[in-house]
N, C-alpha and C. Protein backbone atom coordinates (compact mmCIF):
# COMPACT_ATOMS: atom_id res chain seq x y z
N UNK A 1 19.67 -41.84 -32.25
CA UNK A 1 18.98 -42.83 -33.19
C UNK A 1 19.95 -44.23 -33.80
N UNK A 2 19.57 -45.10 -33.85
CA UNK A 2 20.37 -46.28 -34.34
C UNK A 2 20.31 -46.30 -35.74
N UNK A 3 21.11 -47.44 -36.01
CA UNK A 3 21.36 -47.95 -37.70
C UNK A 3 20.50 -48.92 -37.88
N UNK A 4 19.75 -49.46 -37.04
CA UNK A 4 19.05 -50.85 -37.31
C UNK A 4 17.83 -50.57 -38.19
N UNK A 5 17.72 -51.49 -39.21
CA UNK A 5 16.84 -51.11 -40.52
C UNK A 5 15.71 -52.09 -39.87
N UNK A 6 15.23 -52.30 -38.72
CA UNK A 6 14.20 -53.45 -38.21
C UNK A 6 12.73 -53.06 -39.05
N UNK A 7 12.51 -51.61 -38.57
CA UNK A 7 11.10 -51.41 -39.32
C UNK A 7 11.21 -51.27 -40.93
N UNK A 8 12.18 -50.70 -41.50
CA UNK A 8 12.34 -50.95 -43.12
C UNK A 8 12.17 -52.44 -43.59
N UNK A 9 12.95 -53.28 -42.97
CA UNK A 9 13.01 -54.87 -43.34
C UNK A 9 11.42 -55.21 -42.84
N UNK A 10 11.13 -54.77 -41.77
CA UNK A 10 9.67 -55.08 -41.71
C UNK A 10 8.66 -54.98 -42.75
N UNK A 11 8.60 -53.77 -43.08
CA UNK A 11 7.91 -52.98 -44.24
C UNK A 11 8.18 -53.98 -45.46
N UNK A 12 9.24 -54.18 -45.60
CA UNK A 12 9.61 -54.77 -47.11
C UNK A 12 9.23 -56.34 -47.33
N UNK A 13 9.11 -57.13 -46.06
CA UNK A 13 8.87 -58.59 -45.85
C UNK A 13 7.16 -58.27 -45.93
N UNK A 14 6.80 -57.38 -45.33
CA UNK A 14 5.13 -57.16 -45.09
C UNK A 14 4.42 -56.75 -46.48
N UNK A 15 5.24 -56.40 -47.39
CA UNK A 15 4.81 -55.68 -48.72
C UNK A 15 4.28 -57.04 -49.57
N UNK A 16 5.01 -58.39 -49.28
CA UNK A 16 4.63 -59.25 -50.16
C UNK A 16 3.16 -59.81 -49.61
N UNK A 17 2.72 -59.69 -48.44
CA UNK A 17 1.65 -59.83 -47.78
C UNK A 17 0.42 -58.83 -47.93
N UNK A 18 0.82 -57.80 -48.58
CA UNK A 18 -0.45 -56.77 -48.50
C UNK A 18 -1.03 -56.97 -49.78
N UNK A 19 -2.54 -56.95 -49.55
CA UNK A 19 -3.45 -56.86 -50.71
C UNK A 19 -3.86 -55.58 -51.03
N UNK A 20 -3.36 -55.51 -52.46
CA UNK A 20 -3.41 -54.35 -53.35
C UNK A 20 -4.12 -54.52 -54.51
N UNK A 21 -5.12 -54.27 -54.65
CA UNK A 21 -6.02 -54.49 -55.90
C UNK A 21 -5.33 -53.89 -56.94
N UNK A 22 -5.90 -54.37 -58.37
CA UNK A 22 -5.01 -53.56 -59.46
C UNK A 22 -6.06 -52.39 -60.26
N UNK A 23 -7.26 -52.78 -59.70
CA UNK A 23 -8.26 -51.76 -60.54
C UNK A 23 -8.88 -50.78 -59.43
N UNK A 24 -9.38 -49.77 -59.71
CA UNK A 24 -10.13 -48.62 -59.18
C UNK A 24 -11.36 -49.27 -58.62
N UNK A 25 -12.02 -50.13 -59.17
CA UNK A 25 -13.51 -50.93 -58.80
C UNK A 25 -12.99 -51.50 -57.62
N UNK A 26 -12.08 -52.37 -57.54
CA UNK A 26 -11.93 -53.12 -56.39
C UNK A 26 -11.58 -52.35 -55.13
N UNK A 27 -10.89 -51.21 -55.50
CA UNK A 27 -10.51 -50.25 -54.12
C UNK A 27 -12.04 -49.68 -53.78
N UNK A 28 -12.66 -49.32 -54.69
CA UNK A 28 -14.11 -48.83 -54.12
C UNK A 28 -14.78 -49.70 -53.42
N UNK A 29 -14.99 -50.77 -53.92
CA UNK A 29 -15.69 -51.98 -53.32
C UNK A 29 -15.35 -52.14 -51.97
N UNK A 30 -13.70 -52.37 -51.61
CA UNK A 30 -12.95 -52.90 -50.67
C UNK A 30 -13.25 -51.64 -49.42
N UNK A 31 -13.43 -50.60 -49.99
CA UNK A 31 -13.70 -49.36 -49.10
C UNK A 31 -15.11 -49.29 -48.50
N UNK A 32 -15.86 -49.54 -49.60
CA UNK A 32 -17.53 -49.67 -48.87
C UNK A 32 -17.73 -50.43 -48.20
N UNK A 33 -17.07 -51.69 -48.57
CA UNK A 33 -17.52 -52.91 -47.35
C UNK A 33 -16.96 -52.64 -46.01
N UNK A 34 -15.94 -51.68 -45.61
CA UNK A 34 -15.47 -51.26 -44.64
C UNK A 34 -16.13 -50.22 -43.99
N UNK A 35 -16.36 -49.58 -44.90
CA UNK A 35 -17.26 -48.25 -44.34
C UNK A 35 -18.80 -48.75 -43.71
N UNK A 36 -19.20 -49.84 -44.39
CA UNK A 36 -20.29 -50.36 -44.24
C UNK A 36 -20.53 -51.29 -42.89
N UNK A 37 -19.28 -52.02 -42.44
CA UNK A 37 -19.13 -52.87 -41.55
C UNK A 37 -18.84 -51.91 -40.45
N UNK A 38 -18.18 -51.10 -40.64
CA UNK A 38 -18.22 -50.24 -39.57
C UNK A 38 -19.37 -48.96 -38.93
N UNK A 39 -20.11 -48.58 -39.86
CA UNK A 39 -21.56 -47.68 -39.75
C UNK A 39 -22.58 -48.79 -39.60
N UNK A 40 -22.62 -49.92 -39.73
CA UNK A 40 -23.80 -50.70 -39.46
C UNK A 40 -23.90 -50.59 -37.94
N UNK A 41 -25.40 -50.54 -37.93
CA UNK A 41 -25.84 -50.34 -36.23
C UNK A 41 -26.12 -51.98 -35.82
N UNK A 42 -25.66 -51.83 -34.32
CA UNK A 42 -25.76 -53.33 -33.87
C UNK A 42 -27.28 -53.87 -33.75
N UNK A 43 -27.54 -55.19 -33.99
CA UNK A 43 -28.69 -55.87 -33.86
C UNK A 43 -28.94 -55.60 -32.25
N UNK A 44 -30.16 -56.02 -31.76
CA UNK A 44 -30.48 -56.32 -30.54
C UNK A 44 -29.72 -57.77 -29.65
N UNK A 45 -29.65 -58.39 -30.89
CA UNK A 45 -28.73 -60.10 -30.55
C UNK A 45 -27.30 -59.41 -30.27
N UNK A 46 -26.79 -58.79 -31.07
CA UNK A 46 -25.38 -58.30 -30.91
C UNK A 46 -25.22 -57.54 -29.56
N UNK A 47 -26.27 -56.72 -29.40
CA UNK A 47 -25.84 -55.60 -27.96
C UNK A 47 -26.21 -56.67 -26.93
N UNK A 48 -27.21 -57.80 -27.00
CA UNK A 48 -27.33 -58.78 -25.64
C UNK A 48 -25.82 -59.62 -25.87
N UNK A 49 -25.37 -60.04 -26.77
CA UNK A 49 -24.11 -60.83 -26.62
C UNK A 49 -22.89 -60.02 -26.23
N UNK A 50 -22.92 -58.92 -26.38
CA UNK A 50 -21.69 -57.99 -25.84
C UNK A 50 -21.91 -57.75 -24.71
N UNK A 51 -23.05 -57.66 -23.71
CA UNK A 51 -23.24 -57.78 -22.41
C UNK A 51 -23.23 -59.19 -22.11
N UNK A 52 -23.37 -59.92 -22.44
CA UNK A 52 -23.66 -61.38 -21.84
C UNK A 52 -22.53 -62.01 -21.98
N UNK A 53 -21.43 -61.94 -22.96
CA UNK A 53 -20.09 -62.45 -22.81
C UNK A 53 -19.38 -62.29 -21.71
N UNK A 54 -19.10 -61.12 -21.20
CA UNK A 54 -18.38 -60.62 -19.98
C UNK A 54 -19.10 -61.46 -18.91
N UNK A 55 -20.19 -61.13 -18.68
CA UNK A 55 -21.11 -61.65 -17.51
C UNK A 55 -20.75 -63.21 -17.35
N UNK A 56 -20.97 -63.80 -18.62
CA UNK A 56 -20.72 -65.31 -18.53
C UNK A 56 -19.60 -65.60 -18.11
N UNK A 57 -18.53 -65.05 -18.78
CA UNK A 57 -16.93 -65.30 -18.17
C UNK A 57 -16.93 -64.82 -16.95
N UNK A 58 -17.42 -63.93 -16.17
CA UNK A 58 -17.15 -63.53 -14.81
C UNK A 58 -18.06 -64.85 -13.97
N UNK A 59 -19.12 -65.56 -14.24
CA UNK A 59 -19.63 -66.52 -13.79
C UNK A 59 -19.05 -67.75 -13.73
N UNK A 60 -18.12 -68.02 -14.90
CA UNK A 60 -17.75 -68.94 -15.19
C UNK A 60 -15.89 -68.98 -14.53
N UNK A 61 -15.50 -67.80 -14.33
CA UNK A 61 -14.34 -67.73 -13.57
C UNK A 61 -14.69 -68.01 -11.67
N UNK A 62 -15.73 -67.33 -11.55
CA UNK A 62 -16.35 -67.69 -10.10
C UNK A 62 -16.60 -69.10 -9.85
N UNK A 63 -17.13 -69.93 -10.66
CA UNK A 63 -17.54 -71.33 -10.65
C UNK A 63 -15.93 -72.04 -10.39
N UNK A 64 -15.32 -71.57 -11.20
CA UNK A 64 -13.81 -72.32 -11.52
C UNK A 64 -13.23 -72.12 -9.95
N UNK A 65 -13.06 -70.87 -9.56
CA UNK A 65 -12.65 -70.41 -8.50
C UNK A 65 -13.29 -71.09 -6.90
N UNK A 66 -14.44 -71.36 -7.13
CA UNK A 66 -15.33 -72.08 -6.17
C UNK A 66 -14.59 -73.51 -6.47
N UNK A 67 -14.67 -74.01 -7.53
CA UNK A 67 -14.71 -75.55 -7.38
C UNK A 67 -12.68 -75.82 -6.84
N UNK A 68 -12.22 -74.91 -7.21
CA UNK A 68 -10.87 -75.17 -6.75
C UNK A 68 -10.58 -74.81 -5.23
N UNK A 69 -11.47 -73.88 -5.08
CA UNK A 69 -11.34 -73.60 -3.37
C UNK A 69 -11.98 -74.91 -2.49
N UNK A 70 -12.97 -75.24 -3.04
CA UNK A 70 -13.65 -76.58 -2.43
C UNK A 70 -12.78 -77.54 -2.33
N UNK A 71 -12.29 -78.22 -3.65
CA UNK A 71 -11.46 -79.24 -3.83
C UNK A 71 -10.11 -79.26 -2.73
N UNK A 72 -9.37 -77.69 -2.65
CA UNK A 72 -8.25 -77.46 -1.74
C UNK A 72 -8.67 -77.41 -0.67
N UNK A 73 -9.80 -77.19 -0.08
CA UNK A 73 -10.24 -77.35 1.55
C UNK A 73 -10.48 -78.90 1.99
N UNK A 74 -11.06 -79.41 0.88
CA UNK A 74 -11.42 -81.07 1.12
C UNK A 74 -9.99 -81.80 1.27
N UNK A 75 -8.96 -81.41 0.42
CA UNK A 75 -7.73 -82.24 0.54
C UNK A 75 -6.96 -81.91 1.73
N UNK A 76 -7.18 -80.59 1.99
CA UNK A 76 -6.69 -80.20 3.52
C UNK A 76 -7.13 -80.25 4.67
N UNK A 77 -8.39 -80.73 4.82
CA UNK A 77 -8.68 -80.98 6.28
C UNK A 77 -8.25 -82.33 6.96
N UNK A 78 -7.99 -82.61 8.03
CA UNK A 78 -7.21 -83.63 8.64
C UNK A 78 -8.30 -84.92 9.26
N UNK A 79 -9.47 -84.47 9.15
CA UNK A 79 -10.47 -85.39 9.59
C UNK A 79 -11.68 -85.76 8.75
N UNK A 80 -12.27 -86.68 8.30
CA UNK A 80 -13.42 -86.50 7.35
C UNK A 80 -14.57 -86.37 7.93
N UNK A 81 -15.71 -86.04 7.22
CA UNK A 81 -16.68 -85.94 8.07
C UNK A 81 -17.36 -87.10 8.69
N UNK A 82 -17.32 -88.12 8.26
CA UNK A 82 -17.95 -89.50 9.24
C UNK A 82 -17.31 -89.76 10.47
N UNK A 83 -16.06 -89.35 10.41
CA UNK A 83 -15.42 -89.72 11.84
C UNK A 83 -15.96 -88.36 12.68
N UNK A 84 -16.01 -86.98 12.29
CA UNK A 84 -16.58 -86.02 12.90
C UNK A 84 -18.21 -86.24 13.43
N UNK A 85 -18.98 -86.90 12.78
CA UNK A 85 -20.13 -87.07 13.07
C UNK A 85 -20.32 -88.24 14.00
N UNK A 86 -19.43 -89.39 14.14
CA UNK A 86 -19.15 -90.38 14.84
C UNK A 86 -18.59 -89.97 16.51
N UNK A 87 -17.90 -88.93 16.19
CA UNK A 87 -17.10 -88.74 17.53
C UNK A 87 -18.17 -87.75 18.24
N UNK A 88 -18.97 -86.70 17.70
CA UNK A 88 -19.84 -86.03 18.28
C UNK A 88 -21.18 -86.37 18.35
N UNK A 89 -21.58 -86.99 19.38
CA UNK A 89 -23.20 -87.24 19.29
C UNK A 89 -24.42 -86.17 19.29
N UNK A 90 -25.11 -86.57 18.59
CA UNK A 90 -26.05 -85.65 18.18
C UNK A 90 -27.27 -86.07 19.09
N UNK A 91 -28.02 -85.08 20.08
CA UNK A 91 -29.02 -85.24 20.94
C UNK A 91 -30.06 -84.32 20.36
N UNK A 92 -30.94 -84.37 20.38
CA UNK A 92 -32.13 -84.04 20.10
C UNK A 92 -33.43 -83.97 21.25
N UNK A 93 -33.48 -82.55 21.88
CA UNK A 93 -34.33 -82.59 23.06
C UNK A 93 -35.92 -81.89 22.45
N UNK A 94 -37.16 -82.79 22.76
CA UNK A 94 -38.30 -82.68 22.55
C UNK A 94 -39.04 -82.86 23.81
N UNK A 95 -39.68 -81.49 24.29
CA UNK A 95 -40.60 -81.35 25.40
C UNK A 95 -39.75 -82.33 26.82
N UNK A 96 -38.25 -82.01 26.71
CA UNK A 96 -38.24 -82.18 28.09
C UNK A 96 -37.21 -83.85 27.86
N UNK A 97 -37.59 -84.83 26.76
CA UNK A 97 -37.02 -85.69 26.46
C UNK A 97 -35.81 -85.64 25.74
N UNK A 98 -34.62 -86.32 26.00
CA UNK A 98 -33.53 -86.21 25.24
C UNK A 98 -33.52 -87.65 24.39
N UNK A 99 -33.17 -87.15 23.15
CA UNK A 99 -33.06 -88.35 22.11
C UNK A 99 -31.79 -88.33 21.34
N UNK A 100 -31.21 -89.44 21.56
CA UNK A 100 -29.73 -89.62 20.94
C UNK A 100 -29.53 -90.38 19.78
N UNK A 101 -28.90 -89.77 18.94
CA UNK A 101 -28.97 -90.57 17.08
C UNK A 101 -27.72 -91.37 17.21
N UNK A 102 -26.94 -91.44 18.48
CA UNK A 102 -26.02 -92.44 18.13
C UNK A 102 -26.08 -93.96 18.51
N UNK A 103 -27.28 -93.94 19.60
CA UNK A 103 -27.39 -95.38 20.13
C UNK A 103 -28.00 -96.01 19.14
């Protein structure tokens, strides 16, 4: 063991921040409020919120990842779509007739 008094000093410093009511009535009320908050059943809205928040966060993460990926792909492509379309003619065949969209 070391002779470091870190935890003792931490307790002494935290003692000033600790809330200690002077009378027994305040202690009883404080304990009852904590017990009530712990034992209170969850509402339907709270249950839905507990399920919805992680799902919404997952979708948000997916959307951000998709946005970053699309941006990265667009910046790394050497040719632009207009140049690609202009260099490759589009031909449509209907009943043996060939129609070209580049003419």
